[in-house]
Amino acid sequence: MNISSYFKKFLHSSQSSGIILILCVAISLLIANSSLGESYQNLLDKKIGTDLFHLKFPLSIWINDGLMAIFFLLVGLEIKREMVEGELSNFKSASLPIVAALGGMVVPALIYFLFNHGTDDAKGWAIPMATDIAFSLAIISMLGKRIPLSVKIFLAALAIVDDLGAILVIAVFYTDQIHWDYLGLSTLMVAILIGFNFFKFKKHIFYIIPGIFLWYFMHHSGIHATIAGVLLAFTIPTNISTTEISPLEKLEQQLHLPVNFLIMPIFALANTNITFKEGMVDGLFTNLGFGIILGLFLGKVIGINLFSWIFIKLKISSLPDNSSWNQMMGAGLLAGIGFTMSIFIALLSFRSQPEIQDAAKFAILVASVISGFAGYSLLRYVSKKKSKVHNEK
């Protein structure tokens, strides 16, 4: 096999994007804690764009609000396709990620509150509610075909609902002001997109241009702009039970490589630049540290599986196809990777307290690493055990 063949195989491997993402995390941490750290942060803080139409933002905002909207567009396309013709096409399957996400938000917030109620740190109650969709999906993708597709789709759908919940929490509790005029224009763009879908417009251009305006209006409304990607995805036309490739499937195929091998690595490089400072480890053993770490590591897996178990027992929802409760536990642990959205909420919670921000960011990093490692290890162990039982038969 020549170099070109190896490269093509690597690009199409479900594990390769996860490996690249983890390498970018390591590189970002090394840079942040080297002599290049300050220059790197200055680069991320550098404003680029134009003052015309108020489109001049720091590079980090272009990455987190701009590029990540494309990532959310891709995940939204995958979720819609599964809802129309795949694993989430019946109510019992589709309802599970929603109730699981709800449990994964309520229980972590409750754990944080129990540790921090009555203190100044109580305002950070939403920090452990969030799941970092990019990192959690990257970790589960490293397991390849050893994990049922239904479990990956469940985690993706759960993370989308979780992130939408986090965006709603930010809009209600952490946003200084919502600009209703821009929110109204965002609603108009969604209505136009739905209209194009209704009249069966199939060319991508009819959706991409209004989608760009939707992102612009959403960003200026005060609500996290990445939601524009999900809203756009759900208006792209698809089809049921036909061999003809739909506009949704075509766009999904076109986005996979740039998202997995460009957008997600850039995202990791920009968001893992945490500078380690003296006293950070001590901060882990405070009520703030315990609230964040236990909220993400234990709260997520308990909340997700408890709510899932209740709704499955009530016969309202059903387990993902070919999955087990052990795999649900593994997915719940991976949902404890809070990272970027959790850090974002921490920055909003403690705006004028940089020391508390640093302590919260370090606790989030530790909790995310523990959750990611535990989730990956459990899912790998379960897949090996299943494979062994299958071979013995």
Protein backbone atom coordinates (compact mmCIF):
# COMPACT_ATOMS: atom_id res chain seq x y z
CA MET A 1 0.00 0.00 0.00
CA ASN A 2 1.51 3.37 -1.04
CA ILE A 3 1.51 6.62 0.96
CA SER A 4 -1.54 7.96 -0.92
CA SER A 5 -3.55 4.84 -0.02
CA TYR A 6 -2.54 5.09 3.65
CA PHE A 7 -3.60 8.76 3.70
CA LYS A 8 -7.00 7.99 2.14
CA LYS A 9 -7.55 5.16 4.63
CA PHE A 10 -6.64 7.47 7.51
CA LEU A 11 -9.03 10.21 6.31
CA HIS A 12 -11.94 7.78 6.05
CA SER A 13 -11.25 6.10 9.39
CA SER A 14 -13.82 6.98 12.06
CA GLN A 15 -11.00 7.04 14.63
CA SER A 16 -8.68 9.46 12.84
CA SER A 17 -10.59 12.66 13.64
CA GLY A 18 -10.58 11.79 17.34
CA ILE A 19 -6.83 11.13 17.30
CA ILE A 20 -6.18 14.49 15.59
CA LEU A 21 -8.43 16.28 18.07
CA ILE A 22 -6.60 14.85 21.08
CA LEU A 23 -3.23 15.77 19.51
CA CYS A 24 -4.48 19.34 19.06
CA VAL A 25 -5.53 19.44 22.73
CA ALA A 26 -2.02 18.40 23.77
CA ILE A 27 -0.41 20.93 21.42
CA SER A 28 -2.64 23.74 22.69
CA LEU A 29 -1.85 22.93 26.34
CA LEU A 30 1.89 22.83 25.57
CA ILE A 31 1.78 26.20 23.79
CA ALA A 32 -0.30 27.81 26.56
CA ASN A 33 2.25 26.74 29.18
CA SER A 34 5.35 27.71 27.18
CA SER A 35 7.01 31.02 26.34
CA LEU A 36 4.61 31.26 23.38
CA GLY A 37 1.55 31.27 25.66
CA GLU A 38 1.05 35.02 25.83
CA SER A 39 1.58 35.51 22.09
CA TYR A 40 -0.85 32.69 21.38
CA GLN A 41 -3.52 34.26 23.59
CA ASN A 42 -2.94 37.63 21.91
CA LEU A 43 -3.49 35.95 18.54
CA LEU A 44 -6.81 34.50 19.72
CA ASP A 45 -7.83 37.89 21.12
CA LYS A 46 -6.87 39.76 17.95
CA LYS A 47 -9.92 41.29 16.29
CA ILE A 48 -10.38 40.56 12.61
CA GLY A 49 -13.15 41.46 10.19
CA THR A 50 -14.82 44.72 9.36
CA ASP A 51 -16.66 47.36 11.37
CA LEU A 52 -19.16 47.47 8.53
CA PHE A 53 -22.28 45.62 9.73
CA HIS A 54 -20.52 45.09 13.11
CA LEU A 55 -18.53 42.09 11.90
CA LYS A 56 -15.25 42.66 13.73
CA PHE A 57 -14.65 40.01 16.39
CA PRO A 58 -11.70 38.34 18.14
CA LEU A 59 -10.37 35.29 16.29
CA SER A 60 -11.64 33.05 19.13
CA ILE A 61 -15.22 34.30 18.53
CA TRP A 62 -14.97 33.57 14.79
CA ILE A 63 -13.89 30.04 15.70
CA ASN A 64 -16.41 29.33 18.49
CA ASP A 65 -19.41 31.13 17.01
CA GLY A 66 -18.59 30.92 13.29
CA LEU A 67 -16.76 27.70 12.48
CA MET A 68 -18.62 25.77 15.17
CA ALA A 69 -21.94 26.76 13.60
CA ILE A 70 -20.80 24.67 10.61
CA PHE A 71 -20.01 21.79 12.96
CA PHE A 72 -23.51 22.10 14.46
CA LEU A 73 -24.91 22.19 10.92
CA LEU A 74 -23.28 18.82 10.17
CA VAL A 75 -24.46 17.22 13.42
CA GLY A 76 -27.94 18.65 12.86
CA LEU A 77 -28.02 17.10 9.37
CA GLU A 78 -27.06 13.71 10.81
CA ILE A 79 -29.71 13.95 13.52
CA LYS A 80 -32.44 14.96 11.03
CA ARG A 81 -31.53 12.10 8.68
CA GLU A 82 -31.81 9.63 11.57
CA MET A 83 -35.13 11.16 12.65
CA VAL A 84 -36.57 10.84 9.15
CA GLU A 85 -35.29 7.43 8.11
CA GLY A 86 -32.99 5.99 10.75
CA GLU A 87 -32.47 5.16 14.42
CA LEU A 88 -34.57 8.09 15.72
CA SER A 89 -37.51 7.65 13.33
CA ASN A 90 -39.94 6.37 15.99
CA PHE A 91 -41.13 8.24 19.10
CA LYS A 92 -39.69 5.80 21.63
CA SER A 93 -36.16 6.15 20.21
CA ALA A 94 -36.38 9.88 19.52
CA SER A 95 -37.70 10.74 22.99
CA LEU A 96 -34.86 9.03 24.87
CA PRO A 97 -32.07 11.57 24.06
CA ILE A 98 -34.40 14.41 25.11
CA VAL A 99 -35.28 12.97 28.52
CA ALA A 100 -31.69 11.79 29.02
CA ALA A 101 -30.37 15.27 28.26
CA LEU A 102 -32.86 16.74 30.73
CA GLY A 103 -31.58 14.40 33.46
CA GLY A 104 -28.02 15.22 32.43
CA MET A 105 -28.71 18.91 33.06
CA VAL A 106 -30.82 18.73 36.23
CA VAL A 107 -28.71 16.34 38.35
CA PRO A 108 -25.29 18.03 37.73
CA ALA A 109 -26.80 21.47 38.48
CA LEU A 110 -28.30 20.03 41.69
CA ILE A 111 -24.96 18.53 42.79
CA TYR A 112 -23.19 21.85 42.17
CA PHE A 113 -25.91 23.70 44.10
CA LEU A 114 -25.63 21.34 47.10
CA PHE A 115 -21.92 22.17 47.40
CA ASN A 116 -22.16 25.90 46.74
CA HIS A 117 -25.58 27.18 47.88
CA GLY A 118 -25.36 30.25 50.08
CA THR A 119 -21.94 31.22 48.69
CA ASP A 120 -20.81 33.68 46.02
CA ASP A 121 -19.92 30.69 43.81
CA ALA A 122 -23.57 29.57 43.66
CA LYS A 123 -24.06 31.64 40.49
CA GLY A 124 -21.99 29.05 38.60
CA TRP A 125 -24.73 26.42 39.02
CA ALA A 126 -25.04 25.90 35.23
CA ILE A 127 -21.33 25.08 34.69
CA PRO A 128 -21.64 21.25 34.96
CA MET A 129 -24.87 21.14 32.92
CA ALA A 130 -23.12 21.32 29.53
CA THR A 131 -21.76 18.54 27.31
CA ASP A 132 -19.02 19.35 24.82
CA ILE A 133 -20.44 17.76 21.70
CA ALA A 134 -17.21 17.98 19.67
CA PHE A 135 -14.99 16.21 22.20
CA SER A 136 -17.57 13.62 23.33
CA LEU A 137 -18.24 12.55 19.73
CA ALA A 138 -14.52 12.54 18.95
CA ILE A 139 -13.85 10.12 21.83
CA ILE A 140 -16.68 7.73 20.91
CA SER A 141 -15.60 7.84 17.24
CA MET A 142 -12.20 6.44 18.28
CA LEU A 143 -13.96 3.18 19.17
CA GLY A 144 -15.05 2.75 15.54
CA LYS A 145 -17.44 -0.10 14.74
CA ARG A 146 -17.06 -1.64 18.19
CA ILE A 147 -19.88 0.64 19.36
CA PRO A 148 -23.36 0.31 17.79
CA LEU A 149 -24.27 3.20 15.52
CA SER A 150 -27.43 3.71 17.59
CA VAL A 151 -25.35 4.56 20.70
CA LYS A 152 -23.31 7.14 18.76
CA ILE A 153 -26.50 8.68 17.41
CA PHE A 154 -28.01 8.69 20.92
CA LEU A 155 -24.94 10.55 22.27
CA ALA A 156 -24.99 13.02 19.37
CA ALA A 157 -28.72 13.74 19.81
CA LEU A 158 -28.33 14.00 23.59
CA ALA A 159 -25.41 16.43 23.20
CA ILE A 160 -27.38 18.57 20.73
CA VAL A 161 -30.36 18.80 23.12
CA ASP A 162 -27.93 19.44 25.99
CA ASP A 163 -26.21 22.26 24.11
CA LEU A 164 -29.56 23.79 23.13
CA GLY A 165 -30.50 23.64 26.82
CA ALA A 166 -27.21 25.31 27.77
CA ILE A 167 -27.80 28.02 25.13
CA LEU A 168 -31.28 28.60 26.55
CA VAL A 169 -29.87 28.84 30.10
CA ILE A 170 -27.25 31.34 28.90
CA ALA A 171 -29.92 33.38 27.12
CA VAL A 172 -32.21 33.50 30.18
CA PHE A 173 -29.75 33.66 33.10
CA TYR A 174 -26.41 34.89 31.75
CA THR A 175 -27.21 37.25 28.88
CA ASP A 176 -27.26 40.93 29.82
CA GLN A 177 -29.66 41.83 27.04
CA ILE A 178 -31.53 40.05 24.26
CA HIS A 179 -32.00 42.17 21.15
CA TRP A 180 -35.54 41.30 20.15
CA ASP A 181 -35.29 43.00 16.75
CA TYR A 182 -32.46 40.68 15.70
CA LEU A 183 -34.29 37.71 17.23
CA GLY A 184 -37.32 38.64 15.13
CA LEU A 185 -35.19 38.77 11.99
CA SER A 186 -33.78 35.34 12.92
CA THR A 187 -37.34 34.02 13.12
CA LEU A 188 -38.06 35.51 9.69
CA MET A 189 -35.01 33.71 8.22
CA VAL A 190 -36.20 30.40 9.70
CA ALA A 191 -39.65 31.00 8.18
CA ILE A 192 -38.06 31.65 4.76
CA LEU A 193 -35.99 28.44 5.06
CA ILE A 194 -39.09 26.44 6.01
CA GLY A 195 -40.87 27.96 3.01
CA PHE A 196 -38.09 26.88 0.65
CA ASN A 197 -38.33 23.37 2.08
CA PHE A 198 -42.13 23.35 1.72
CA PHE A 199 -41.91 24.35 -1.95
CA LYS A 200 -39.22 21.67 -2.46
CA PHE A 201 -36.31 23.93 -3.40
CA LYS A 202 -33.40 21.50 -3.72
CA LYS A 203 -30.37 23.66 -4.55
CA HIS A 204 -28.15 24.31 -1.53
CA ILE A 205 -27.77 27.99 -2.40
CA PHE A 206 -31.41 28.63 -1.41
CA TYR A 207 -30.56 27.46 2.12
CA ILE A 208 -26.94 28.58 2.58
CA ILE A 209 -27.56 32.30 1.87
CA PRO A 210 -30.54 32.65 4.30
CA GLY A 211 -28.50 30.45 6.69
CA ILE A 212 -25.66 33.01 6.70
CA PHE A 213 -28.15 35.80 7.45
CA LEU A 214 -29.69 33.60 10.17
CA TRP A 215 -26.25 33.21 11.78
CA TYR A 216 -25.65 36.99 11.60
CA PHE A 217 -29.00 37.90 13.15
CA MET A 218 -28.72 35.17 15.81
CA HIS A 219 -25.23 36.33 16.76
CA HIS A 220 -26.38 39.91 17.18
CA SER A 221 -29.50 38.89 19.12
CA GLY A 222 -27.38 37.90 22.12
CA ILE A 223 -28.15 34.17 21.81
CA HIS A 224 -25.28 31.78 21.05
CA ALA A 225 -24.94 31.77 17.26
CA THR A 226 -24.19 28.06 16.88
CA ILE A 227 -27.92 27.33 17.24
CA ALA A 228 -28.23 28.76 13.70
CA GLY A 229 -26.42 25.67 12.38
CA VAL A 230 -28.96 23.31 13.93
CA LEU A 231 -31.95 25.37 12.75
CA LEU A 232 -30.54 25.49 9.22
CA ALA A 233 -29.90 21.73 9.21
CA PHE A 234 -33.51 20.94 10.07
CA THR A 235 -34.77 22.87 7.03
CA ILE A 236 -32.54 21.11 4.44
CA PRO A 237 -34.71 18.73 2.36
CA THR A 238 -34.31 14.98 2.62
CA ASN A 239 -36.30 12.02 1.35
CA ILE A 240 -37.66 8.74 2.63
CA SER A 241 -37.08 5.34 1.08
CA THR A 242 -35.62 6.40 -2.23
CA THR A 243 -32.32 5.63 -3.91
CA GLU A 244 -31.91 9.24 -5.07
CA ILE A 245 -29.41 11.13 -2.92
CA SER A 246 -31.13 14.03 -1.14
CA PRO A 247 -29.82 17.60 -0.71
CA LEU A 248 -29.34 16.80 2.99
CA GLU A 249 -27.22 13.71 2.31
CA LYS A 250 -25.21 15.54 -0.35
CA LEU A 251 -24.38 18.44 1.99
CA GLU A 252 -23.61 16.00 4.81
CA GLN A 253 -21.06 14.21 2.63
CA GLN A 254 -19.47 17.50 1.55
CA LEU A 255 -19.06 18.70 5.16
CA HIS A 256 -17.53 15.59 6.75
CA LEU A 257 -13.89 16.12 5.75
CA PRO A 258 -13.62 19.88 6.41
CA VAL A 259 -15.43 19.56 9.75
CA ASN A 260 -13.47 16.55 11.02
CA PHE A 261 -10.04 17.56 9.78
CA LEU A 262 -10.12 21.36 9.81
CA ILE A 263 -12.87 22.87 11.95
CA MET A 264 -12.65 20.51 14.93
CA PRO A 265 -8.83 20.65 15.18
CA ILE A 266 -8.91 24.48 15.00
CA PHE A 267 -11.62 24.44 17.68
CA ALA A 268 -9.44 22.25 19.93
CA LEU A 269 -6.35 24.42 19.40
CA ALA A 270 -8.30 27.57 20.29
CA ASN A 271 -10.12 26.26 23.36
CA THR A 272 -7.58 24.18 25.24
CA ASN A 273 -5.08 26.96 25.89
CA ILE A 274 -5.40 26.73 29.68
CA THR A 275 -2.40 28.14 31.54
CA PHE A 276 -1.56 26.16 34.68
CA LYS A 277 -1.03 28.42 37.69
CA GLU A 278 0.10 27.95 41.27
CA GLY A 279 -2.72 26.92 43.59
CA MET A 280 -4.89 25.44 40.83
CA VAL A 281 -4.65 21.93 42.29
CA ASP A 282 -5.76 23.22 45.70
CA GLY A 283 -8.80 24.73 43.97
CA LEU A 284 -9.97 21.24 43.06
CA PHE A 285 -10.58 20.51 46.76
CA THR A 286 -12.93 23.42 47.35
CA ASN A 287 -16.72 23.47 47.13
CA LEU A 288 -16.39 25.04 43.67
CA GLY A 289 -14.05 22.25 42.53
CA PHE A 290 -16.17 19.47 44.04
CA GLY A 291 -19.35 20.94 42.54
CA ILE A 292 -17.88 21.05 39.03
CA ILE A 293 -15.99 17.73 39.08
CA LEU A 294 -18.70 15.65 40.76
CA GLY A 295 -21.38 17.44 38.76
CA LEU A 296 -19.78 16.53 35.44
CA PHE A 297 -18.27 13.13 36.31
CA LEU A 298 -21.09 11.70 38.46
CA GLY A 299 -24.03 14.02 37.86
CA LYS A 300 -24.07 13.49 34.10
CA VAL A 301 -23.97 9.71 34.13
CA ILE A 302 -26.46 9.46 37.02
CA GLY A 303 -28.90 11.98 35.55
CA ILE A 304 -28.79 10.57 32.02
CA ASN A 305 -29.23 6.95 33.07
CA LEU A 306 -31.75 7.61 35.87
CA PHE A 307 -34.09 9.60 33.62
CA SER A 308 -33.58 7.09 30.79
CA TRP A 309 -34.38 4.15 33.10
CA ILE A 310 -37.56 5.83 34.40
CA PHE A 311 -38.91 6.60 30.92
CA ILE A 312 -37.98 3.16 29.57
CA LYS A 313 -39.71 1.49 32.54
CA LEU A 314 -42.78 3.65 31.83
CA LYS A 315 -42.57 2.37 28.22
CA ILE A 316 -42.41 5.94 26.91
CA SER A 317 -38.88 5.48 25.52
CA SER A 318 -36.72 2.55 24.47
CA LEU A 319 -33.02 1.71 24.57
CA PRO A 320 -31.05 2.38 21.37
CA ASP A 321 -30.99 -0.67 19.04
CA ASN A 322 -28.43 -3.39 19.92
CA SER A 323 -27.28 -1.43 22.98
CA SER A 324 -26.95 -2.31 26.67
CA TRP A 325 -27.14 -0.38 29.93
CA ASN A 326 -23.36 -0.67 30.23
CA GLN A 327 -23.02 1.19 26.94
CA MET A 328 -25.53 3.76 28.17
CA MET A 329 -23.32 4.22 31.24
CA GLY A 330 -20.33 4.74 28.95
CA ALA A 331 -22.22 7.30 26.88
CA GLY A 332 -23.30 9.04 30.09
CA LEU A 333 -19.68 9.28 31.22
CA LEU A 334 -18.64 10.77 27.87
CA ALA A 335 -21.40 13.35 28.29
CA GLY A 336 -19.45 14.49 31.36
CA ILE A 337 -16.90 16.10 29.00
CA GLY A 338 -18.16 19.63 29.60
CA PHE A 339 -15.19 21.57 28.35
CA THR A 340 -15.89 24.49 25.98
CA MET A 341 -19.53 25.23 26.82
CA SER A 342 -18.82 24.70 30.55
CA ILE A 343 -15.83 27.05 30.33
CA PHE A 344 -17.98 29.58 28.49
CA ILE A 345 -20.60 29.47 31.27
CA ALA A 346 -17.82 29.75 33.90
CA LEU A 347 -16.52 32.91 32.21
CA LEU A 348 -20.02 34.38 32.20
CA SER A 349 -20.66 33.34 35.82
CA PHE A 350 -17.53 34.95 37.23
CA ARG A 351 -16.93 37.86 34.84
CA SER A 352 -15.03 40.10 37.26
CA GLN A 353 -13.25 37.29 39.14
CA PRO A 354 -10.33 35.99 37.01
CA GLU A 355 -8.97 33.80 39.84
CA ILE A 356 -12.33 32.00 40.19
CA GLN A 357 -12.49 31.68 36.41
CA ASP A 358 -9.07 29.97 36.35
CA ALA A 359 -10.06 27.61 39.18
CA ALA A 360 -13.32 26.72 37.40
CA LYS A 361 -11.55 26.15 34.05
CA PHE A 362 -9.02 23.80 35.66
CA ALA A 363 -11.78 21.85 37.44
CA ILE A 364 -13.66 21.55 34.14
CA LEU A 365 -10.50 20.28 32.40
CA VAL A 366 -9.88 17.67 35.13
CA ALA A 367 -13.52 16.53 35.15
CA SER A 368 -13.58 16.30 31.35
CA VAL A 369 -10.37 14.24 31.23
CA ILE A 370 -11.64 11.85 33.93
CA SER A 371 -15.05 11.52 32.26
CA GLY A 372 -13.54 11.01 28.80
CA PHE A 373 -11.06 8.39 30.00
CA ALA A 374 -13.68 6.54 32.10
CA GLY A 375 -16.27 6.58 29.30
CA TYR A 376 -13.81 5.39 26.67
CA SER A 377 -12.44 2.64 28.97
CA LEU A 378 -15.90 1.35 29.89
CA LEU A 379 -17.15 1.29 26.29
CA ARG A 380 -13.95 -0.43 25.13
CA TYR A 381 -14.20 -3.03 27.91
CA VAL A 382 -17.89 -3.72 27.14
CA SER A 383 -17.16 -4.11 23.41
CA LYS A 384 -14.29 -6.55 24.12
CA LYS A 385 -16.49 -8.56 26.48
CA LYS A 386 -19.28 -8.71 23.87
CA SER A 387 -16.83 -9.77 21.20
CA LYS A 388 -15.43 -12.49 23.45
CA VAL A 389 -18.91 -13.89 24.23
CA HIS A 390 -19.78 -13.79 20.51
CA ASN A 391 -16.58 -15.69 19.58
CA GLU A 392 -17.22 -18.35 22.25
CA LYS A 393 -20.66 -19.00 20.72
